[in-house]
């Protein structure tokens, strides 16, 4: 009999603590109306990596299969290798290698500094990589009819090509 009372007390206390924790994380203006959780600021290393990538806009040229830091000519994966390397994070060259580094992260749990991978739209094979910046944006080195170099795009514009993501920080 006493065991059941202790068990119920422990369960009730655990539930109460869980509710209080949830309440303090989300915040409420009054009971029953939760406010949106505040935007989490990216870790300092991720902020620095993104700042480095942004600083290379207009300076880097894209060329498939090239890794030439002295002339700032890169493909997409040699660009991420270069940028992360500036901050002590060693990445291999090539999307096939980078997509296996670090740990898998779901699209719904992306954080600034995560590597995001794309296919070419014709096959499911990973063929492009960028750096997630947060707020639905990513930065990458690419080429196209209107661009050759580092650009920032909305992840939502690449929904059909999105493949996976890896956390290397």
C-alpha atoms as a PDB file:
ATOM      1  CA  UNK A   1       0.000   0.000   0.000  1.00  0.00           C
ATOM      2  CA  UNK A   2       2.744   2.452   0.972  1.00  0.00           C
ATOM      3  CA  UNK A   3       4.709   1.490  -2.195  1.00  0.00           C
ATOM      4  CA  UNK A   4       1.761   2.553  -4.435  1.00  0.00           C
ATOM      5  CA  UNK A   5       1.502   5.907  -2.654  1.00  0.00           C
ATOM      6  CA  UNK A   6       5.248   6.554  -3.163  1.00  0.00           C
ATOM      7  CA  UNK A   7       5.026   5.469  -6.815  1.00  0.00           C
ATOM      8  CA  UNK A   8       2.072   7.837  -7.471  1.00  0.00           C
ATOM      9  CA  UNK A   9       3.882  10.699  -5.726  1.00  0.00           C
ATOM     10  CA  UNK A  10       7.021  10.180  -7.828  1.00  0.00           C
ATOM     11  CA  UNK A  11       4.999  10.039 -11.056  1.00  0.00           C
ATOM     12  CA  UNK A  12       3.018  13.165 -10.149  1.00  0.00           C
ATOM     13  CA  UNK A  13       6.193  15.047  -9.224  1.00  0.00           C
ATOM     14  CA  UNK A  14       7.902  14.003 -12.467  1.00  0.00           C
ATOM     15  CA  UNK A  15       4.932  15.184 -14.533  1.00  0.00           C
ATOM     16  CA  UNK A  16       4.804  18.480 -12.668  1.00  0.00           C
ATOM     17  CA  UNK A  17       8.534  19.096 -13.193  1.00  0.00           C
ATOM     18  CA  UNK A  18       8.199  18.238 -16.902  1.00  0.00           C
ATOM     19  CA  UNK A  19       5.312  20.683 -17.278  1.00  0.00           C
ATOM     20  CA  UNK A  20       7.197  23.407 -15.436  1.00  0.00           C
ATOM     21  CA  UNK A  21      10.274  22.829 -17.630  1.00  0.00           C
ATOM     22  CA  UNK A  22       8.211  23.020 -20.804  1.00  0.00           C
ATOM     23  CA  UNK A  23       6.483  26.158 -19.536  1.00  0.00           C
ATOM     24  CA  UNK A  24       9.766  27.904 -18.782  1.00  0.00           C
ATOM     25  CA  UNK A  25      11.298  26.925 -22.150  1.00  0.00           C
ATOM     26  CA  UNK A  26       8.397  28.083 -24.300  1.00  0.00           C
ATOM     27  CA  UNK A  27       7.063  30.907 -22.165  1.00  0.00           C
ATOM     28  CA  UNK A  28       3.452  31.928 -21.849  1.00  0.00           C
ATOM     29  CA  UNK A  29       1.685  35.231 -21.674  1.00  0.00           C
ATOM     30  CA  UNK A  30      -1.046  33.563 -19.651  1.00  0.00           C
ATOM     31  CA  UNK A  31      -2.217  30.040 -19.050  1.00  0.00           C
ATOM     32  CA  UNK A  32      -3.172  28.234 -22.232  1.00  0.00           C
ATOM     33  CA  UNK A  33      -1.506  30.561 -24.733  1.00  0.00           C
ATOM     34  CA  UNK A  34       2.081  29.615 -25.528  1.00  0.00           C
ATOM     35  CA  UNK A  35       4.359  32.098 -27.246  1.00  0.00           C
ATOM     36  CA  UNK A  36       6.823  31.099 -29.935  1.00  0.00           C
ATOM     37  CA  UNK A  37      10.197  30.034 -28.579  1.00  0.00           C
ATOM     38  CA  UNK A  38      12.878  32.675 -29.158  1.00  0.00           C
ATOM     39  CA  UNK A  39      15.307  32.191 -32.051  1.00  0.00           C
ATOM     40  CA  UNK A  40      18.408  30.379 -30.781  1.00  0.00           C
ATOM     41  CA  UNK A  41      21.607  32.231 -31.588  1.00  0.00           C
ATOM     42  CA  UNK A  42      24.110  30.136 -33.523  1.00  0.00           C
ATOM     43  CA  UNK A  43      27.213  28.989 -31.667  1.00  0.00           C
ATOM     44  CA  UNK A  44      30.217  31.303 -32.076  1.00  0.00           C
ATOM     45  CA  UNK A  45      32.098  28.845 -34.307  1.00  0.00           C
ATOM     46  CA  UNK A  46      29.123  28.529 -36.671  1.00  0.00           C
ATOM     47  CA  UNK A  47      28.778  32.327 -36.776  1.00  0.00           C
ATOM     48  CA  UNK A  48      32.486  32.646 -37.635  1.00  0.00           C
ATOM     49  CA  UNK A  49      32.263  30.024 -40.379  1.00  0.00           C
ATOM     50  CA  UNK A  50      29.257  31.756 -41.930  1.00  0.00           C
ATOM     51  CA  UNK A  51      31.017  35.132 -41.696  1.00  0.00           C
ATOM     52  CA  UNK A  52      34.044  33.679 -43.504  1.00  0.00           C
ATOM     53  CA  UNK A  53      31.829  32.216 -46.239  1.00  0.00           C
ATOM     54  CA  UNK A  54      30.031  35.567 -46.650  1.00  0.00           C
ATOM     55  CA  UNK A  55      33.349  37.431 -46.818  1.00  0.00           C
ATOM     56  CA  UNK A  56      34.235  35.371 -49.897  1.00  0.00           C
ATOM     57  CA  UNK A  57      31.224  36.565 -51.904  1.00  0.00           C
ATOM     58  CA  UNK A  58      32.469  38.269 -55.058  1.00  0.00           C
ATOM     59  CA  UNK A  59      35.994  36.863 -54.560  1.00  0.00           C
ATOM     60  CA  UNK A  60      35.554  33.119 -55.198  1.00  0.00           C
ATOM     61  CA  UNK A  61      34.949  31.544 -58.581  1.00  0.00           C
ATOM     62  CA  UNK A  62      33.250  28.189 -59.137  1.00  0.00           C
ATOM     63  CA  UNK A  63      34.879  25.534 -61.283  1.00  0.00           C
ATOM     64  CA  UNK A  64      33.828  21.891 -61.164  1.00  0.00           C
ATOM     65  CA  UNK A  65      36.498  19.570 -59.775  1.00  0.00           C
ATOM     66  CA  UNK A  66      38.846  22.367 -58.695  1.00  0.00           C
ATOM     67  CA  UNK A  67      40.407  23.005 -55.289  1.00  0.00           C
ATOM     68  CA  UNK A  68      42.706  26.002 -55.748  1.00  0.00           C
ATOM     69  CA  UNK A  69      42.832  28.089 -52.544  1.00  0.00           C
ATOM     70  CA  UNK A  70      45.657  30.334 -53.796  1.00  0.00           C
ATOM     71  CA  UNK A  71      43.449  31.601 -56.651  1.00  0.00           C
ATOM     72  CA  UNK A  72      40.137  31.210 -54.764  1.00  0.00           C
ATOM     73  CA  UNK A  73      38.772  28.821 -57.378  1.00  0.00           C
ATOM     74  CA  UNK A  74      36.683  26.027 -55.878  1.00  0.00           C
ATOM     75  CA  UNK A  75      33.898  23.604 -56.570  1.00  0.00           C
ATOM     76  CA  UNK A  76      31.164  23.397 -53.922  1.00  0.00           C
ATOM     77  CA  UNK A  77      32.895  20.863 -51.659  1.00  0.00           C
ATOM     78  CA  UNK A  78      36.370  22.386 -51.875  1.00  0.00           C
ATOM     79  CA  UNK A  79      34.713  25.675 -50.868  1.00  0.00           C
ATOM     80  CA  UNK A  80      33.175  24.124 -47.721  1.00  0.00           C
ATOM     81  CA  UNK A  81      36.494  22.347 -47.051  1.00  0.00           C
ATOM     82  CA  UNK A  82      38.317  25.690 -47.295  1.00  0.00           C
ATOM     83  CA  UNK A  83      35.859  27.663 -45.152  1.00  0.00           C
ATOM     84  CA  UNK A  84      35.615  25.071 -42.372  1.00  0.00           C
ATOM     85  CA  UNK A  85      39.385  24.519 -42.504  1.00  0.00           C
ATOM     86  CA  UNK A  86      39.907  28.222 -41.714  1.00  0.00           C
ATOM     87  CA  UNK A  87      38.238  27.429 -38.375  1.00  0.00           C
ATOM     88  CA  UNK A  88      40.078  24.206 -37.554  1.00  0.00           C
ATOM     89  CA  UNK A  89      37.431  21.812 -38.872  1.00  0.00           C
ATOM     90  CA  UNK A  90      38.905  19.271 -41.257  1.00  0.00           C
ATOM     91  CA  UNK A  91      36.658  18.190 -44.126  1.00  0.00           C
ATOM     92  CA  UNK A  92      37.501  15.877 -46.987  1.00  0.00           C
ATOM     93  CA  UNK A  93      37.152  17.098 -50.545  1.00  0.00           C
ATOM     94  CA  UNK A  94      34.098  15.830 -52.427  1.00  0.00           C
ATOM     95  CA  UNK A  95      30.400  15.714 -51.637  1.00  0.00           C
ATOM     96  CA  UNK A  96      30.493  11.905 -51.511  1.00  0.00           C
ATOM     97  CA  UNK A  97      33.012  12.107 -48.659  1.00  0.00           C
ATOM     98  CA  UNK A  98      31.527  15.106 -46.838  1.00  0.00           C
ATOM     99  CA  UNK A  99      28.046  13.570 -46.752  1.00  0.00           C
ATOM    100  CA  UNK A 100      29.461  10.884 -44.448  1.00  0.00           C
ATOM    101  CA  UNK A 101      31.383  13.173 -42.085  1.00  0.00           C
ATOM    102  CA  UNK A 102      30.005  14.307 -38.750  1.00  0.00           C
ATOM    103  CA  UNK A 103      26.569  13.081 -37.771  1.00  0.00           C
ATOM    104  CA  UNK A 104      23.232  12.991 -39.567  1.00  0.00           C
ATOM    105  CA  UNK A 105      20.785  15.778 -38.788  1.00  0.00           C
ATOM    106  CA  UNK A 106      17.177  15.907 -39.960  1.00  0.00           C
ATOM    107  CA  UNK A 107      15.938  18.831 -42.023  1.00  0.00           C
ATOM    108  CA  UNK A 108      13.647  19.862 -39.163  1.00  0.00           C
ATOM    109  CA  UNK A 109      16.631  20.086 -36.774  1.00  0.00           C
ATOM    110  CA  UNK A 110      19.046  22.065 -38.941  1.00  0.00           C
ATOM    111  CA  UNK A 111      21.313  24.511 -37.119  1.00  0.00           C
ATOM    112  CA  UNK A 112      23.567  27.226 -38.464  1.00  0.00           C
ATOM    113  CA  UNK A 113      26.856  25.684 -39.573  1.00  0.00           C
ATOM    114  CA  UNK A 114      25.369  22.356 -40.692  1.00  0.00           C
ATOM    115  CA  UNK A 115      26.379  21.039 -44.101  1.00  0.00           C
ATOM    116  CA  UNK A 116      23.379  20.522 -46.375  1.00  0.00           C
ATOM    117  CA  UNK A 117      23.468  18.310 -49.434  1.00  0.00           C
ATOM    118  CA  UNK A 118      21.520  18.309 -52.676  1.00  0.00           C
ATOM    119  CA  UNK A 119      21.059  16.136 -55.742  1.00  0.00           C
ATOM    120  CA  UNK A 120      20.926  17.444 -59.304  1.00  0.00           C
ATOM    121  CA  UNK A 121      17.179  16.952 -59.649  1.00  0.00           C
ATOM    122  CA  UNK A 122      17.571  14.059 -62.087  1.00  0.00           C
ATOM    123  CA  UNK A 123      18.979  11.407 -59.730  1.00  0.00           C
ATOM    124  CA  UNK A 124      19.042  10.972 -55.952  1.00  0.00           C
ATOM    125  CA  UNK A 125      22.859  10.970 -55.891  1.00  0.00           C
ATOM    126  CA  UNK A 126      24.323  13.812 -53.809  1.00  0.00           C
ATOM    127  CA  UNK A 127      26.078  16.285 -56.079  1.00  0.00           C
ATOM    128  CA  UNK A 128      26.157  19.641 -54.238  1.00  0.00           C
ATOM    129  CA  UNK A 129      26.858  20.973 -50.725  1.00  0.00           C
ATOM    130  CA  UNK A 130      26.229  24.237 -48.919  1.00  0.00           C
ATOM    131  CA  UNK A 131      26.350  25.659 -45.396  1.00  0.00           C
ATOM    132  CA  UNK A 132      23.088  26.226 -43.546  1.00  0.00           C
ATOM    133  CA  UNK A 133      22.933  29.764 -42.133  1.00  0.00           C
ATOM    134  CA  UNK A 134      19.699  29.553 -40.162  1.00  0.00           C
ATOM    135  CA  UNK A 135      16.348  31.208 -40.895  1.00  0.00           C
ATOM    136  CA  UNK A 136      15.845  28.974 -43.940  1.00  0.00           C
ATOM    137  CA  UNK A 137      18.929  30.219 -45.804  1.00  0.00           C
ATOM    138  CA  UNK A 138      22.174  28.631 -46.938  1.00  0.00           C
ATOM    139  CA  UNK A 139      25.387  29.815 -48.546  1.00  0.00           C
ATOM    140  CA  UNK A 140      27.192  27.876 -51.269  1.00  0.00           C
ATOM    141  CA  UNK A 141      29.596  28.122 -54.170  1.00  0.00           C
ATOM    142  CA  UNK A 142      27.822  27.479 -57.436  1.00  0.00           C
ATOM    143  CA  UNK A 143      27.504  28.344 -61.082  1.00  0.00           C
ATOM    144  CA  UNK A 144      24.543  28.991 -63.277  1.00  0.00           C
ATOM    145  CA  UNK A 145      23.194  31.269 -65.970  1.00  0.00           C
ATOM    146  CA  UNK A 146      23.353  34.330 -63.693  1.00  0.00           C
ATOM    147  CA  UNK A 147      26.015  33.450 -61.127  1.00  0.00           C
ATOM    148  CA  UNK A 148      29.510  32.083 -60.699  1.00  0.00           C
ATOM    149  CA  UNK A 149      30.641  32.078 -57.100  1.00  0.00           C
ATOM    150  CA  UNK A 150      29.360  32.302 -53.554  1.00  0.00           C
ATOM    151  CA  UNK A 151      25.652  33.050 -53.143  1.00  0.00           C
ATOM    152  CA  UNK A 152      22.981  32.888 -50.466  1.00  0.00           C
ATOM    153  CA  UNK A 153      19.728  31.122 -51.310  1.00  0.00           C
ATOM    154  CA  UNK A 154      16.517  30.102 -49.592  1.00  0.00           C
ATOM    155  CA  UNK A 155      16.434  26.427 -48.688  1.00  0.00           C
ATOM    156  CA  UNK A 156      12.767  26.403 -49.710  1.00  0.00           C
ATOM    157  CA  UNK A 157      13.832  27.087 -53.316  1.00  0.00           C
ATOM    158  CA  UNK A 158      15.746  23.783 -53.286  1.00  0.00           C
ATOM    159  CA  UNK A 159      13.100  21.536 -51.684  1.00  0.00           C
ATOM    160  CA  UNK A 160      12.985  19.077 -54.590  1.00  0.00           C
ATOM    161  CA  UNK A 161      16.778  18.745 -54.640  1.00  0.00           C
ATOM    162  CA  UNK A 162      17.415  18.529 -50.871  1.00  0.00           C
ATOM    163  CA  UNK A 163      19.023  15.199 -49.884  1.00  0.00           C
ATOM    164  CA  UNK A 164      20.454  15.232 -46.361  1.00  0.00           C
ATOM    165  CA  UNK A 165      22.445  17.199 -43.787  1.00  0.00           C
ATOM    166  CA  UNK A 166      25.427  16.581 -41.520  1.00  0.00           C
ATOM    167  CA  UNK A 167      26.581  18.314 -38.356  1.00  0.00           C
ATOM    168  CA  UNK A 168      30.370  18.607 -38.264  1.00  0.00           C
ATOM    169  CA  UNK A 169      30.660  21.209 -35.492  1.00  0.00           C
END
